[in-house]
Amino acid sequence: MHDFCFTIPYGLILVGGGIFGYLRKGSTASLAGGVGIGLVLILAGYLSLGAFKKKKNSYLALILETVCAAALTWVMGQRYLQTSKIMPAGVVAGISSIMTLFYLYKLATGGNHISPKAE
């Protein structure tokens, strides 16, 4: 599985969550954090997709994705430990930790595997 297959939906979920948090509670931190990190991840996903279409890997995108997911894991994990609230801190920390592990796996195995086209 390629990183952009998960990164773009992950970014969209964060954007949606940030907007929802703002509309529901008036939280500008949710808006800035969710939309900001979400848009960075969507951009990184599209960079990776563009590189894949050219039969290349975008290590810049993969590193950016890993850093964003790890930062969210840390920040939301800390918030969960302080508040014990499953929503949103626990859920975001859980999803982000899974994504961090996925990105680390992709980095360790050489990025997106591009199969040679049979001609």
PDB file of N, CA and C in Angstrom:
ATOM      1  N   MET A   1       0.843  -1.173   0.000  1.00  0.00           N
ATOM      2  CA  MET A   1       0.000   0.000   0.000  1.00  0.00           C
ATOM      3  C   MET A   1       0.892   1.241   0.000  1.00  0.00           C
ATOM      4  N   HIS A   2       0.495   2.205  -0.761  1.00  0.00           N
ATOM      5  CA  HIS A   2       1.276   3.439  -0.904  1.00  0.00           C
ATOM      6  C   HIS A   2       0.861   4.459   0.156  1.00  0.00           C
ATOM      7  N   ASP A   3       1.820   5.290   0.553  1.00  0.00           N
ATOM      8  CA  ASP A   3       1.547   6.226   1.649  1.00  0.00           C
ATOM      9  C   ASP A   3       0.429   7.205   1.320  1.00  0.00           C
ATOM     10  N   PHE A   4       0.343   7.651   0.072  1.00  0.00           N
ATOM     11  CA  PHE A   4      -0.670   8.649  -0.273  1.00  0.00           C
ATOM     12  C   PHE A   4      -2.088   8.085  -0.188  1.00  0.00           C
ATOM     13  N   CYS A   5      -2.247   6.766  -0.272  1.00  0.00           N
ATOM     14  CA  CYS A   5      -3.573   6.142  -0.154  1.00  0.00           C
ATOM     15  C   CYS A   5      -4.177   6.360   1.233  1.00  0.00           C
ATOM     16  N   PHE A   6      -3.320   6.498   2.233  1.00  0.00           N
ATOM     17  CA  PHE A   6      -3.788   6.746   3.601  1.00  0.00           C
ATOM     18  C   PHE A   6      -3.618   8.207   4.007  1.00  0.00           C
ATOM     19  N   THR A   7      -2.606   8.874   3.467  1.00  0.00           N
ATOM     20  CA  THR A   7      -2.295  10.238   3.910  1.00  0.00           C
ATOM     21  C   THR A   7      -3.379  11.232   3.529  1.00  0.00           C
ATOM     22  N   ILE A   8      -3.872  11.151   2.312  1.00  0.00           N
ATOM     23  CA  ILE A   8      -4.890  12.119   1.883  1.00  0.00           C
ATOM     24  C   ILE A   8      -6.173  11.967   2.707  1.00  0.00           C
ATOM     25  N   PRO A   9      -6.710  10.742   2.898  1.00  0.00           N
ATOM     26  CA  PRO A   9      -7.885  10.624   3.773  1.00  0.00           C
ATOM     27  C   PRO A   9      -7.601  11.027   5.226  1.00  0.00           C
ATOM     28  N   TYR A  10      -6.415  10.703   5.726  1.00  0.00           N
ATOM     29  CA  TYR A  10      -6.019  11.091   7.091  1.00  0.00           C
ATOM     30  C   TYR A  10      -6.040  12.616   7.212  1.00  0.00           C
ATOM     31  N   GLY A  11      -5.487  13.302   6.242  1.00  0.00           N
ATOM     32  CA  GLY A  11      -5.500  14.767   6.247  1.00  0.00           C
ATOM     33  C   GLY A  11      -6.906  15.326   6.183  1.00  0.00           C
ATOM     34  N   LEU A  12      -7.763  14.707   5.359  1.00  0.00           N
ATOM     35  CA  LEU A  12      -9.151  15.166   5.252  1.00  0.00           C
ATOM     36  C   LEU A  12      -9.911  14.970   6.563  1.00  0.00           C
ATOM     37  N   ILE A  13      -9.641  13.869   7.256  1.00  0.00           N
ATOM     38  CA  ILE A  13     -10.270  13.629   8.559  1.00  0.00           C
ATOM     39  C   ILE A  13      -9.839  14.702   9.552  1.00  0.00           C
ATOM     40  N   LEU A  14      -8.562  15.054   9.547  1.00  0.00           N
ATOM     41  CA  LEU A  14      -8.075  16.090  10.465  1.00  0.00           C
ATOM     42  C   LEU A  14      -8.678  17.456  10.148  1.00  0.00           C
ATOM     43  N   VAL A  15      -8.778  17.786   8.856  1.00  0.00           N
ATOM     44  CA  VAL A  15      -9.404  19.052   8.462  1.00  0.00           C
ATOM     45  C   VAL A  15     -10.862  19.075   8.933  1.00  0.00           C
ATOM     46  N   GLY A  16     -11.581  17.987   8.664  1.00  0.00           N
ATOM     47  CA  GLY A  16     -12.985  17.903   9.086  1.00  0.00           C
ATOM     48  C   GLY A  16     -13.127  17.994  10.596  1.00  0.00           C
ATOM     49  N   GLY A  17     -12.251  17.321  11.324  1.00  0.00           N
ATOM     50  CA  GLY A  17     -12.288  17.374  12.783  1.00  0.00           C
ATOM     51  C   GLY A  17     -11.989  18.765  13.317  1.00  0.00           C
ATOM     52  N   GLY A  18     -11.046  19.448  12.692  1.00  0.00           N
ATOM     53  CA  GLY A  18     -10.722  20.816  13.103  1.00  0.00           C
ATOM     54  C   GLY A  18     -11.887  21.768  12.891  1.00  0.00           C
ATOM     55  N   ILE A  19     -12.546  21.617  11.755  1.00  0.00           N
ATOM     56  CA  ILE A  19     -13.712  22.466  11.461  1.00  0.00           C
ATOM     57  C   ILE A  19     -14.858  22.128  12.412  1.00  0.00           C
ATOM     58  N   PHE A  20     -15.074  20.838  12.641  1.00  0.00           N
ATOM     59  CA  PHE A  20     -16.131  20.403  13.551  1.00  0.00           C
ATOM     60  C   PHE A  20     -15.887  20.930  14.969  1.00  0.00           C
ATOM     61  N   GLY A  21     -14.640  20.828  15.434  1.00  0.00           N
ATOM     62  CA  GLY A  21     -14.301  21.328  16.767  1.00  0.00           C
ATOM     63  C   GLY A  21     -14.532  22.816  16.896  1.00  0.00           C
ATOM     64  N   TYR A  22     -14.240  23.546  15.829  1.00  0.00           N
ATOM     65  CA  TYR A  22     -14.459  24.991  15.851  1.00  0.00           C
ATOM     66  C   TYR A  22     -15.951  25.316  15.861  1.00  0.00           C
ATOM     67  N   LEU A  23     -16.708  24.641  14.995  1.00  0.00           N
ATOM     68  CA  LEU A  23     -18.139  24.918  14.917  1.00  0.00           C
ATOM     69  C   LEU A  23     -18.869  24.485  16.187  1.00  0.00           C
ATOM     70  N   ARG A  24     -18.453  23.398  16.769  1.00  0.00           N
ATOM     71  CA  ARG A  24     -19.132  22.850  17.944  1.00  0.00           C
ATOM     72  C   ARG A  24     -18.779  23.594  19.230  1.00  0.00           C
ATOM     73  N   LYS A  25     -17.498  23.862  19.428  1.00  0.00           N
ATOM     74  CA  LYS A  25     -17.040  24.446  20.702  1.00  0.00           C
ATOM     75  C   LYS A  25     -16.409  25.833  20.555  1.00  0.00           C
ATOM     76  N   GLY A  26     -16.273  26.305  19.314  1.00  0.00           N
ATOM     77  CA  GLY A  26     -15.617  27.590  19.104  1.00  0.00           C
ATOM     78  C   GLY A  26     -14.116  27.534  19.331  1.00  0.00           C
ATOM     79  N   SER A  27     -13.540  26.334  19.214  1.00  0.00           N
ATOM     80  CA  SER A  27     -12.120  26.138  19.506  1.00  0.00           C
ATOM     81  C   SER A  27     -11.240  26.541  18.319  1.00  0.00           C
ATOM     82  N   THR A  28     -10.564  27.670  18.470  1.00  0.00           N
ATOM     83  CA  THR A  28      -9.647  28.090  17.406  1.00  0.00           C
ATOM     84  C   THR A  28      -8.411  27.199  17.368  1.00  0.00           C
ATOM     85  N   ALA A  29      -8.073  26.574  18.496  1.00  0.00           N
ATOM     86  CA  ALA A  29      -6.949  25.629  18.511  1.00  0.00           C
ATOM     87  C   ALA A  29      -7.276  24.410  17.656  1.00  0.00           C
ATOM     88  N   SER A  30      -8.505  23.922  17.734  1.00  0.00           N
ATOM     89  CA  SER A  30      -8.932  22.805  16.884  1.00  0.00           C
ATOM     90  C   SER A  30      -8.896  23.208  15.423  1.00  0.00           C
ATOM     91  N   LEU A  31      -9.380  24.397  15.153  1.00  0.00           N
ATOM     92  CA  LEU A  31      -9.399  24.874  13.772  1.00  0.00           C
ATOM     93  C   LEU A  31      -7.992  25.005  13.220  1.00  0.00           C
ATOM     94  N   ALA A  32      -7.123  25.680  13.950  1.00  0.00           N
ATOM     95  CA  ALA A  32      -5.750  25.884  13.471  1.00  0.00           C
ATOM     96  C   ALA A  32      -4.983  24.572  13.400  1.00  0.00           C
ATOM     97  N   GLY A  33      -5.072  23.762  14.450  1.00  0.00           N
ATOM     98  CA  GLY A  33      -4.334  22.511  14.484  1.00  0.00           C
ATOM     99  C   GLY A  33      -4.835  21.500  13.474  1.00  0.00           C
ATOM    100  N   GLY A  34      -6.133  21.262  13.482  1.00  0.00           N
ATOM    101  CA  GLY A  34      -6.712  20.271  12.578  1.00  0.00           C
ATOM    102  C   GLY A  34      -6.580  20.665  11.121  1.00  0.00           C
ATOM    103  N   VAL A  35      -6.971  21.888  10.808  1.00  0.00           N
ATOM    104  CA  VAL A  35      -6.903  22.344   9.417  1.00  0.00           C
ATOM    105  C   VAL A  35      -5.449  22.525   8.993  1.00  0.00           C
ATOM    106  N   GLY A  36      -4.627  23.079   9.863  1.00  0.00           N
ATOM    107  CA  GLY A  36      -3.211  23.306   9.509  1.00  0.00           C
ATOM    108  C   GLY A  36      -2.470  22.018   9.227  1.00  0.00           C
ATOM    109  N   ILE A  37      -2.496  21.087  10.173  1.00  0.00           N
ATOM    110  CA  ILE A  37      -1.796  19.804   9.991  1.00  0.00           C
ATOM    111  C   ILE A  37      -2.465  18.996   8.883  1.00  0.00           C
ATOM    112  N   GLY A  38      -3.799  19.044   8.838  1.00  0.00           N
ATOM    113  CA  GLY A  38      -4.516  18.316   7.788  1.00  0.00           C
ATOM    114  C   GLY A  38      -4.119  18.765   6.396  1.00  0.00           C
ATOM    115  N   LEU A  39      -4.025  20.075   6.185  1.00  0.00           N
ATOM    116  CA  LEU A  39      -3.636  20.598   4.868  1.00  0.00           C
ATOM    117  C   LEU A  39      -2.189  20.249   4.530  1.00  0.00           C
ATOM    118  N   VAL A  40      -1.312  20.277   5.518  1.00  0.00           N
ATOM    119  CA  VAL A  40       0.084  19.879   5.286  1.00  0.00           C
ATOM    120  C   VAL A  40       0.135  18.415   4.860  1.00  0.00           C
ATOM    121  N   LEU A  41      -0.657  17.575   5.522  1.00  0.00           N
ATOM    122  CA  LEU A  41      -0.674  16.154   5.161  1.00  0.00           C
ATOM    123  C   LEU A  41      -1.276  15.927   3.779  1.00  0.00           C
ATOM    124  N   ILE A  42      -2.323  16.650   3.444  1.00  0.00           N
ATOM    125  CA  ILE A  42      -2.907  16.525   2.106  1.00  0.00           C
ATOM    126  C   ILE A  42      -1.886  16.948   1.055  1.00  0.00           C
ATOM    127  N   LEU A  43      -1.179  18.036   1.298  1.00  0.00           N
ATOM    128  CA  LEU A  43      -0.130  18.485   0.381  1.00  0.00           C
ATOM    129  C   LEU A  43       0.959  17.419   0.239  1.00  0.00           C
ATOM    130  N   ALA A  44       1.398  16.854   1.359  1.00  0.00           N
ATOM    131  CA  ALA A  44       2.422  15.811   1.319  1.00  0.00           C
ATOM    132  C   ALA A  44       1.915  14.584   0.565  1.00  0.00           C
ATOM    133  N   GLY A  45       0.654  14.239   0.756  1.00  0.00           N
ATOM    134  CA  GLY A  45       0.070  13.118   0.030  1.00  0.00           C
ATOM    135  C   GLY A  45       0.067  13.347  -1.470  1.00  0.00           C
ATOM    136  N   TYR A  46      -0.283  14.561  -1.884  1.00  0.00           N
ATOM    137  CA  TYR A  46      -0.275  14.869  -3.316  1.00  0.00           C
ATOM    138  C   TYR A  46       1.141  14.935  -3.882  1.00  0.00           C
ATOM    139  N   LEU A  47       2.105  15.388  -3.075  1.00  0.00           N
ATOM    140  CA  LEU A  47       3.509  15.347  -3.521  1.00  0.00           C
ATOM    141  C   LEU A  47       3.950  13.906  -3.751  1.00  0.00           C
ATOM    142  N   SER A  48       3.586  13.037  -2.837  1.00  0.00           N
ATOM    143  CA  SER A  48       3.936  11.628  -2.956  1.00  0.00           C
ATOM    144  C   SER A  48       3.238  10.994  -4.162  1.00  0.00           C
ATOM    145  N   LEU A  49       1.977  11.327  -4.365  1.00  0.00           N
ATOM    146  CA  LEU A  49       1.233  10.808  -5.512  1.00  0.00           C
ATOM    147  C   LEU A  49       1.854  11.274  -6.825  1.00  0.00           C
ATOM    148  N   GLY A  50       2.226  12.555  -6.878  1.00  0.00           N
ATOM    149  CA  GLY A  50       2.873  13.087  -8.077  1.00  0.00           C
ATOM    150  C   GLY A  50       4.195  12.400  -8.377  1.00  0.00           C
ATOM    151  N   ALA A  51       4.976  12.150  -7.341  1.00  0.00           N
ATOM    152  CA  ALA A  51       6.245  11.443  -7.519  1.00  0.00           C
ATOM    153  C   ALA A  51       5.994  10.014  -7.981  1.00  0.00           C
ATOM    154  N   PHE A  52       4.982   9.370  -7.413  1.00  0.00           N
ATOM    155  CA  PHE A  52       4.659   7.994  -7.785  1.00  0.00           C
ATOM    156  C   PHE A  52       4.266   7.905  -9.255  1.00  0.00           C
ATOM    157  N   LYS A  53       3.509   8.885  -9.731  1.00  0.00           N
ATOM    158  CA  LYS A  53       3.111   8.895 -11.143  1.00  0.00           C
ATOM    159  C   LYS A  53       4.325   9.017 -12.056  1.00  0.00           C
ATOM    160  N   LYS A  54       5.394   9.637 -11.549  1.00  0.00           N
ATOM    161  CA  LYS A  54       6.648   9.763 -12.312  1.00  0.00           C
ATOM    162  C   LYS A  54       7.584   8.592 -12.054  1.00  0.00           C
ATOM    163  N   LYS A  55       7.061   7.564 -11.336  1.00  0.00           N
ATOM    164  CA  LYS A  55       7.829   6.365 -10.984  1.00  0.00           C
ATOM    165  C   LYS A  55       9.033   6.692 -10.095  1.00  0.00           C
ATOM    166  N   LYS A  56       8.801   7.604  -9.147  1.00  0.00           N
ATOM    167  CA  LYS A  56       9.829   7.986  -8.187  1.00  0.00           C
ATOM    168  C   LYS A  56       9.225   7.969  -6.784  1.00  0.00           C
ATOM    169  N   ASN A  57      10.082   8.085  -5.803  1.00  0.00           N
ATOM    170  CA  ASN A  57       9.661   8.233  -4.414  1.00  0.00           C
ATOM    171  C   ASN A  57       9.879   9.671  -3.974  1.00  0.00           C
ATOM    172  N   SER A  58       8.994  10.168  -3.141  1.00  0.00           N
ATOM    173  CA  SER A  58       9.178  11.488  -2.546  1.00  0.00           C
ATOM    174  C   SER A  58       9.489  11.300  -1.069  1.00  0.00           C
ATOM    175  N   TYR A  59      10.778  11.257  -0.764  1.00  0.00           N
ATOM    176  CA  TYR A  59      11.179  11.094   0.632  1.00  0.00           C
ATOM    177  C   TYR A  59      10.863  12.340   1.442  1.00  0.00           C
ATOM    178  N   LEU A  60      10.863  13.502   0.801  1.00  0.00           N
ATOM    179  CA  LEU A  60      10.467  14.728   1.489  1.00  0.00           C
ATOM    180  C   LEU A  60       9.040  14.596   2.004  1.00  0.00           C
ATOM    181  N   ALA A  61       8.137  14.129   1.143  1.00  0.00           N
ATOM    182  CA  ALA A  61       6.742  13.954   1.550  1.00  0.00           C
ATOM    183  C   ALA A  61       6.632  12.919   2.661  1.00  0.00           C
ATOM    184  N   LEU A  62       7.356  11.828   2.543  1.00  0.00           N
ATOM    185  CA  LEU A  62       7.282  10.759   3.539  1.00  0.00           C
ATOM    186  C   LEU A  62       7.812  11.219   4.900  1.00  0.00           C
ATOM    187  N   ILE A  63       8.867  11.985   4.889  1.00  0.00           N
ATOM    188  CA  ILE A  63       9.406  12.515   6.152  1.00  0.00           C
ATOM    189  C   ILE A  63       8.433  13.533   6.760  1.00  0.00           C
ATOM    190  N   LEU A  64       7.861  14.390   5.925  1.00  0.00           N
ATOM    191  CA  LEU A  64       6.882  15.373   6.391  1.00  0.00           C
ATOM    192  C   LEU A  64       5.666  14.672   6.999  1.00  0.00           C
ATOM    193  N   GLU A  65       5.194  13.618   6.354  1.00  0.00           N
ATOM    194  CA  GLU A  65       4.059  12.853   6.875  1.00  0.00           C
ATOM    195  C   GLU A  65       4.401  12.229   8.230  1.00  0.00           C
ATOM    196  N   THR A  66       5.595  11.669   8.327  1.00  0.00           N
ATOM    197  CA  THR A  66       6.028  11.019   9.564  1.00  0.00           C
ATOM    198  C   THR A  66       6.118  12.027  10.705  1.00  0.00           C
ATOM    199  N   VAL A  67       6.707  13.175  10.443  1.00  0.00           N
ATOM    200  CA  VAL A  67       6.858  14.211  11.477  1.00  0.00           C
ATOM    201  C   VAL A  67       5.491  14.711  11.945  1.00  0.00           C
ATOM    202  N   CYS A  68       4.582  14.960  11.005  1.00  0.00           N
ATOM    203  CA  CYS A  68       3.247  15.441  11.382  1.00  0.00           C
ATOM    204  C   CYS A  68       2.508  14.412  12.227  1.00  0.00           C
ATOM    205  N   ALA A  69       2.538  13.151  11.802  1.00  0.00           N
ATOM    206  CA  ALA A  69       1.829  12.102  12.541  1.00  0.00           C
ATOM    207  C   ALA A  69       2.449  11.887  13.922  1.00  0.00           C
ATOM    208  N   ALA A  70       3.772  11.910  14.005  1.00  0.00           N
ATOM    209  CA  ALA A  70       4.441  11.727  15.301  1.00  0.00           C
ATOM    210  C   ALA A  70       4.134  12.896  16.241  1.00  0.00           C
ATOM    211  N   ALA A  71       4.123  14.116  15.700  1.00  0.00           N
ATOM    212  CA  ALA A  71       3.797  15.289  16.522  1.00  0.00           C
ATOM    213  C   ALA A  71       2.367  15.204  17.051  1.00  0.00           C
ATOM    214  N   LEU A  72       1.435  14.795  16.190  1.00  0.00           N
ATOM    215  CA  LEU A  72       0.049  14.649  16.636  1.00  0.00           C
ATOM    216  C   LEU A  72      -0.089  13.536  17.672  1.00  0.00           C
ATOM    217  N   THR A  73       0.646  12.455  17.474  1.00  0.00           N
ATOM    218  CA  THR A  73       0.619  11.370  18.463  1.00  0.00           C
ATOM    219  C   THR A  73       1.059  11.893  19.821  1.00  0.00           C
ATOM    220  N   TRP A  74       2.143  12.633  19.839  1.00  0.00           N
ATOM    221  CA  TRP A  74       2.681  13.167  21.097  1.00  0.00           C
ATOM    222  C   TRP A  74       1.711  14.161  21.749  1.00  0.00           C
ATOM    223  N   VAL A  75       1.288  15.161  20.984  1.00  0.00           N
ATOM    224  CA  VAL A  75       0.448  16.234  21.537  1.00  0.00           C
ATOM    225  C   VAL A  75      -0.898  15.690  22.000  1.00  0.00           C
ATOM    226  N   MET A  76      -1.545  14.908  21.149  1.00  0.00           N
ATOM    227  CA  MET A  76      -2.870  14.401  21.522  1.00  0.00           C
ATOM    228  C   MET A  76      -2.764  13.295  22.574  1.00  0.00           C
ATOM    229  N   GLY A  77      -1.667  12.556  22.571  1.00  0.00           N
ATOM    230  CA  GLY A  77      -1.439  11.565  23.625  1.00  0.00           C
ATOM    231  C   GLY A  77      -1.304  12.231  24.984  1.00  0.00           C
ATOM    232  N   GLN A  78      -0.554  13.336  25.016  1.00  0.00           N
ATOM    233  CA  GLN A  78      -0.413  14.102  26.265  1.00  0.00           C
ATOM    234  C   GLN A  78      -1.763  14.652  26.715  1.00  0.00           C
ATOM    235  N   ARG A  79      -2.536  15.157  25.761  1.00  0.00           N
ATOM    236  CA  ARG A  79      -3.856  15.699  26.107  1.00  0.00           C
ATOM    237  C   ARG A  79      -4.768  14.594  26.641  1.00  0.00           C
ATOM    238  N   TYR A  80      -4.692  13.411  26.030  1.00  0.00           N
ATOM    239  CA  TYR A  80      -5.502  12.290  26.515  1.00  0.00           C
ATOM    240  C   TYR A  80      -5.101  11.902  27.934  1.00  0.00           C
ATOM    241  N   LEU A  81      -3.798  11.860  28.196  1.00  0.00           N
ATOM    242  CA  LEU A  81      -3.335  11.509  29.537  1.00  0.00           C
ATOM    243  C   LEU A  81      -3.794  12.525  30.582  1.00  0.00           C
ATOM    244  N   GLN A  82      -3.906  13.797  30.188  1.00  0.00           N
ATOM    245  CA  GLN A  82      -4.342  14.837  31.116  1.00  0.00           C
ATOM    246  C   GLN A  82      -5.849  14.823  31.350  1.00  0.00           C
ATOM    247  N   THR A  83      -6.610  14.558  30.279  1.00  0.00           N
ATOM    248  CA  THR A  83      -8.073  14.689  30.366  1.00  0.00           C
ATOM    249  C   THR A  83      -8.814  13.362  30.426  1.00  0.00           C
ATOM    250  N   SER A  84      -8.185  12.289  29.963  1.00  0.00           N
ATOM    251  CA  SER A  84      -8.816  10.960  29.844  1.00  0.00           C
ATOM    252  C   SER A  84     -10.033  10.973  28.928  1.00  0.00           C
ATOM    253  N   LYS A  85     -10.104  11.959  28.032  1.00  0.00           N
ATOM    254  CA  LYS A  85     -11.225  12.041  27.093  1.00  0.00           C
ATOM    255  C   LYS A  85     -10.854  11.303  25.806  1.00  0.00           C
ATOM    256  N   ILE A  86     -11.702  10.344  25.481  1.00  0.00           N
ATOM    257  CA  ILE A  86     -11.455   9.544  24.281  1.00  0.00           C
ATOM    258  C   ILE A  86     -11.636  10.403  23.029  1.00  0.00           C
ATOM    259  N   MET A  87     -12.619  11.310  23.043  1.00  0.00           N
ATOM    260  CA  MET A  87     -12.868  12.178  21.895  1.00  0.00           C
ATOM    261  C   MET A  87     -12.470  13.599  22.245  1.00  0.00           C
ATOM    262  N   PRO A  88     -11.701  14.246  21.477  1.00  0.00           N
ATOM    263  CA  PRO A  88     -11.000  13.784  20.280  1.00  0.00           C
ATOM    264  C   PRO A  88      -9.586  13.275  20.572  1.00  0.00           C
ATOM    265  N   ALA A  89      -9.068  13.584  21.749  1.00  0.00           N
ATOM    266  CA  ALA A  89      -7.637  13.345  22.008  1.00  0.00           C
ATOM    267  C   ALA A  89      -7.245  11.887  21.857  1.00  0.00           C
ATOM    268  N   GLY A  90      -7.989  10.969  22.453  1.00  0.00           N
ATOM    269  CA  GLY A  90      -7.635   9.559  22.393  1.00  0.00           C
ATOM    270  C   GLY A  90      -7.720   8.994  20.992  1.00  0.00           C
ATOM    271  N   VAL A  91      -8.761   9.376  20.274  1.00  0.00           N
ATOM    272  CA  VAL A  91      -8.946   8.879  18.905  1.00  0.00           C
ATOM    273  C   VAL A  91      -7.849   9.408  17.992  1.00  0.00           C
ATOM    274  N   VAL A  92      -7.583  10.698  18.059  1.00  0.00           N
ATOM    275  CA  VAL A  92      -6.544  11.287  17.202  1.00  0.00           C
ATOM    276  C   VAL A  92      -5.168  10.723  17.552  1.00  0.00           C
ATOM    277  N   ALA A  93      -4.887  10.558  18.836  1.00  0.00           N
ATOM    278  CA  ALA A  93      -3.606   9.971  19.247  1.00  0.00           C
ATOM    279  C   ALA A  93      -3.486   8.538  18.737  1.00  0.00           C
ATOM    280  N   GLY A  94      -4.559   7.771  18.814  1.00  0.00           N
ATOM    281  CA  GLY A  94      -4.542   6.389  18.343  1.00  0.00           C
ATOM    282  C   GLY A  94      -4.329   6.289  16.839  1.00  0.00           C
ATOM    283  N   ILE A  95      -5.108   7.051  16.081  1.00  0.00           N
ATOM    284  CA  ILE A  95      -4.968   7.043  14.617  1.00  0.00           C
ATOM    285  C   ILE A  95      -3.580   7.541  14.228  1.00  0.00           C
ATOM    286  N   SER A  96      -3.126   8.591  14.878  1.00  0.00           N
ATOM    287  CA  SER A  96      -1.825   9.166  14.538  1.00  0.00           C
ATOM    288  C   SER A  96      -0.683   8.222  14.876  1.00  0.00           C
ATOM    289  N   SER A  97      -0.815   7.460  15.955  1.00  0.00           N
ATOM    290  CA  SER A  97       0.248   6.495  16.280  1.00  0.00           C
ATOM    291  C   SER A  97       0.304   5.386  15.235  1.00  0.00           C
ATOM    292  N   ILE A  98      -0.849   4.934  14.773  1.00  0.00           N
ATOM    293  CA  ILE A  98      -0.879   3.927  13.706  1.00  0.00           C
ATOM    294  C   ILE A  98      -0.254   4.488  12.433  1.00  0.00           C
ATOM    295  N   MET A  99      -0.588   5.722  12.101  1.00  0.00           N
ATOM    296  CA  MET A  99      -0.028   6.341  10.895  1.00  0.00           C
ATOM    297  C   MET A  99       1.483   6.544  11.037  1.00  0.00           C
ATOM    298  N   THR A 100       1.941   6.916  12.233  1.00  0.00           N
ATOM    299  CA  THR A 100       3.381   7.076  12.456  1.00  0.00           C
ATOM    300  C   THR A 100       4.105   5.756  12.212  1.00  0.00           C
ATOM    301  N   LEU A 101       3.563   4.679  12.749  1.00  0.00           N
ATOM    302  CA  LEU A 101       4.172   3.358  12.529  1.00  0.00           C
ATOM    303  C   LEU A 101       4.169   2.987  11.051  1.00  0.00           C
ATOM    304  N   PHE A 102       3.091   3.283  10.349  1.00  0.00           N
ATOM    305  CA  PHE A 102       3.015   3.012   8.912  1.00  0.00           C
ATOM    306  C   PHE A 102       4.083   3.796   8.152  1.00  0.00           C
ATOM    307  N   TYR A 103       4.217   5.084   8.456  1.00  0.00           N
ATOM    308  CA  TYR A 103       5.223   5.907   7.773  1.00  0.00           C
ATOM    309  C   TYR A 103       6.638   5.442   8.088  1.00  0.00           C
ATOM    310  N   LEU A 104       6.881   5.056   9.336  1.00  0.00           N
ATOM    311  CA  LEU A 104       8.210   4.533   9.686  1.00  0.00           C
ATOM    312  C   LEU A 104       8.500   3.240   8.917  1.00  0.00           C
ATOM    313  N   TYR A 105       7.496   2.408   8.764  1.00  0.00           N
ATOM    314  CA  TYR A 105       7.643   1.192   7.972  1.00  0.00           C
ATOM    315  C   TYR A 105       7.981   1.539   6.514  1.00  0.00           C
ATOM    316  N   LYS A 106       7.269   2.511   5.962  1.00  0.00           N
ATOM    317  CA  LYS A 106       7.525   2.912   4.571  1.00  0.00           C
ATOM    318  C   LYS A 106       8.945   3.465   4.424  1.00  0.00           C
ATOM    319  N   LEU A 107       9.387   4.248   5.388  1.00  0.00           N
ATOM    320  CA  LEU A 107      10.761   4.763   5.344  1.00  0.00           C
ATOM    321  C   LEU A 107      11.775   3.626   5.434  1.00  0.00           C
ATOM    322  N   ALA A 108      11.534   2.674   6.332  1.00  0.00           N
ATOM    323  CA  ALA A 108      12.473   1.565   6.539  1.00  0.00           C
ATOM    324  C   ALA A 108      12.547   0.628   5.337  1.00  0.00           C
ATOM    325  N   THR A 109      11.457   0.536   4.583  1.00  0.00           N
ATOM    326  CA  THR A 109      11.432  -0.381   3.438  1.00  0.00           C
ATOM    327  C   THR A 109      11.686   0.311   2.103  1.00  0.00           C
ATOM    328  N   GLY A 110      12.050   1.574   2.137  1.00  0.00           N
ATOM    329  CA  GLY A 110      12.426   2.257   0.900  1.00  0.00           C
ATOM    330  C   GLY A 110      11.327   3.030   0.209  1.00  0.00           C
ATOM    331  N   GLY A 111      10.276   3.362   0.920  1.00  0.00           N
ATOM    332  CA  GLY A 111       9.215   4.185   0.335  1.00  0.00           C
ATOM    333  C   GLY A 111       8.219   3.364  -0.455  1.00  0.00           C
ATOM    334  N   ASN A 112       7.566   4.018  -1.405  1.00  0.00           N
ATOM    335  CA  ASN A 112       6.581   3.349  -2.247  1.00  0.00           C
ATOM    336  C   ASN A 112       7.293   2.444  -3.238  1.00  0.00           C
ATOM    337  N   HIS A 113       6.877   1.203  -3.274  1.00  0.00           N
ATOM    338  CA  HIS A 113       7.495   0.264  -4.201  1.00  0.00           C
ATOM    339  C   HIS A 113       6.863   0.419  -5.572  1.00  0.00           C
ATOM    340  N   ILE A 114       7.705   0.718  -6.515  1.00  0.00           N
ATOM    341  CA  ILE A 114       7.251   0.965  -7.881  1.00  0.00           C
ATOM    342  C   ILE A 114       7.621  -0.245  -8.719  1.00  0.00           C
ATOM    343  N   SER A 115       6.602  -0.952  -9.164  1.00  0.00           N
ATOM    344  CA  SER A 115       6.887  -2.152  -9.946  1.00  0.00           C
ATOM    345  C   SER A 115       7.239  -1.755 -11.379  1.00  0.00           C
ATOM    346  N   PRO A 116       8.207  -2.465 -11.966  1.00  0.00           N
ATOM    347  CA  PRO A 116       8.571  -2.167 -13.345  1.00  0.00           C
ATOM    348  C   PRO A 116       7.437  -2.541 -14.275  1.00  0.00           C
ATOM    349  N   LYS A 117       7.190  -1.684 -15.217  1.00  0.00           N
ATOM    350  CA  LYS A 117       6.083  -1.896 -16.149  1.00  0.00           C
ATOM    351  C   LYS A 117       6.515  -2.886 -17.223  1.00  0.00           C
ATOM    352  N   ALA A 118       5.744  -3.915 -17.406  1.00  0.00           N
ATOM    353  CA  ALA A 118       6.057  -4.915 -18.445  1.00  0.00           C
ATOM    354  C   ALA A 118       5.676  -4.347 -19.800  1.00  0.00           C
ATOM    355  N   GLU A 119       6.618  -4.342 -20.707  1.00  0.00           N
ATOM    356  CA  GLU A 119       6.343  -3.799 -22.042  1.00  0.00           C
ATOM    357  C   GLU A 119       6.574  -4.828 -23.098  1.00  0.00           C
TER     358      GLU A 119
END
